[in-house]
Amino acid sequence: MSWGRSAIPATHAARHHLHYTKLSLLPLPWHWRPARESWKRMFFLDPALAWD
């Protein structure tokens, strides 16, 4: 892995992308699943649906 001139590895710097999360202030019960920690799903919104 080449570090180049920056503190960010060159392999990572070539891939520009953004990490973000859209959350709901109110829980959405239809997102719940019978699995461990699935209550968190009730607050996450799909950001892909916002671009349709």
C-alpha atoms as a PDB file:
ATOM      1  CA  MET A   1       0.000   0.000   0.000  1.00  0.00           C
ATOM      2  CA  SER A   2       1.425   3.375  -1.004  1.00  0.00           C
ATOM      3  CA  TRP A   3       0.905   6.300   1.368  1.00  0.00           C
ATOM      4  CA  GLY A   4       1.965   9.025  -1.067  1.00  0.00           C
ATOM      5  CA  ARG A   5       1.988  12.601   0.207  1.00  0.00           C
ATOM      6  CA  SER A   6      -1.155  12.476   2.311  1.00  0.00           C
ATOM      7  CA  ALA A   7      -1.962  10.641   5.518  1.00  0.00           C
ATOM      8  CA  ILE A   8      -4.718   8.737   3.687  1.00  0.00           C
ATOM      9  CA  PRO A   9      -3.645   5.590   1.819  1.00  0.00           C
ATOM     10  CA  ALA A  10      -3.606   6.082  -1.954  1.00  0.00           C
ATOM     11  CA  THR A  11      -5.955   3.120  -2.459  1.00  0.00           C
ATOM     12  CA  HIS A  12      -8.567   4.765  -0.213  1.00  0.00           C
ATOM     13  CA  ALA A  13      -8.104   8.298  -1.565  1.00  0.00           C
ATOM     14  CA  ALA A  14      -8.911   7.120  -5.088  1.00  0.00           C
ATOM     15  CA  ARG A  15     -12.381   6.041  -3.990  1.00  0.00           C
ATOM     16  CA  HIS A  16     -14.363   9.149  -3.074  1.00  0.00           C
ATOM     17  CA  HIS A  17     -17.598   8.236  -1.369  1.00  0.00           C
ATOM     18  CA  LEU A  18     -19.804   9.500   1.392  1.00  0.00           C
ATOM     19  CA  HIS A  19     -21.099   7.646   4.441  1.00  0.00           C
ATOM     20  CA  TYR A  20     -24.322   8.941   5.908  1.00  0.00           C
ATOM     21  CA  THR A  21     -27.457   7.749   7.660  1.00  0.00           C
ATOM     22  CA  LYS A  22     -31.020   8.972   7.528  1.00  0.00           C
ATOM     23  CA  LEU A  23     -32.929   8.458  10.757  1.00  0.00           C
ATOM     24  CA  SER A  24     -36.555   8.787  11.740  1.00  0.00           C
ATOM     25  CA  LEU A  25     -37.425  10.624  14.940  1.00  0.00           C
ATOM     26  CA  LEU A  26     -40.342   8.261  15.450  1.00  0.00           C
ATOM     27  CA  PRO A  27     -40.018   4.480  15.323  1.00  0.00           C
ATOM     28  CA  LEU A  28     -41.472   2.761  12.250  1.00  0.00           C
ATOM     29  CA  PRO A  29     -42.856  -0.533  13.629  1.00  0.00           C
ATOM     30  CA  TRP A  30     -43.199  -2.172  10.179  1.00  0.00           C
ATOM     31  CA  HIS A  31     -39.370  -2.202   9.916  1.00  0.00           C
ATOM     32  CA  TRP A  32     -39.039  -4.454  12.975  1.00  0.00           C
ATOM     33  CA  ARG A  33     -37.895  -8.057  12.450  1.00  0.00           C
ATOM     34  CA  PRO A  34     -37.749 -10.904  14.982  1.00  0.00           C
ATOM     35  CA  ALA A  35     -33.969 -10.789  15.321  1.00  0.00           C
ATOM     36  CA  ARG A  36     -31.407  -9.577  17.804  1.00  0.00           C
ATOM     37  CA  GLU A  37     -31.183  -5.760  17.965  1.00  0.00           C
ATOM     38  CA  SER A  38     -33.719  -5.388  15.168  1.00  0.00           C
ATOM     39  CA  TRP A  39     -35.354  -2.535  17.096  1.00  0.00           C
ATOM     40  CA  LYS A  40     -32.679  -0.310  15.525  1.00  0.00           C
ATOM     41  CA  ARG A  41     -34.181  -0.978  12.083  1.00  0.00           C
ATOM     42  CA  MET A  42     -37.277   0.948  13.165  1.00  0.00           C
ATOM     43  CA  PHE A  43     -35.310   4.211  13.152  1.00  0.00           C
ATOM     44  CA  PHE A  44     -33.297   3.841   9.936  1.00  0.00           C
ATOM     45  CA  LEU A  45     -34.628   5.137   6.626  1.00  0.00           C
ATOM     46  CA  ASP A  46     -33.459   3.918   3.230  1.00  0.00           C
ATOM     47  CA  PRO A  47     -31.595   6.863   1.625  1.00  0.00           C
ATOM     48  CA  ALA A  48     -32.081   5.319  -1.854  1.00  0.00           C
ATOM     49  CA  LEU A  49     -35.847   5.881  -1.587  1.00  0.00           C
ATOM     50  CA  ALA A  50     -35.325   9.617  -1.104  1.00  0.00           C
ATOM     51  CA  TRP A  51     -33.778   9.901  -4.593  1.00  0.00           C
ATOM     52  CA  ASP A  52     -36.715   8.288  -6.428  1.00  0.00           C
END
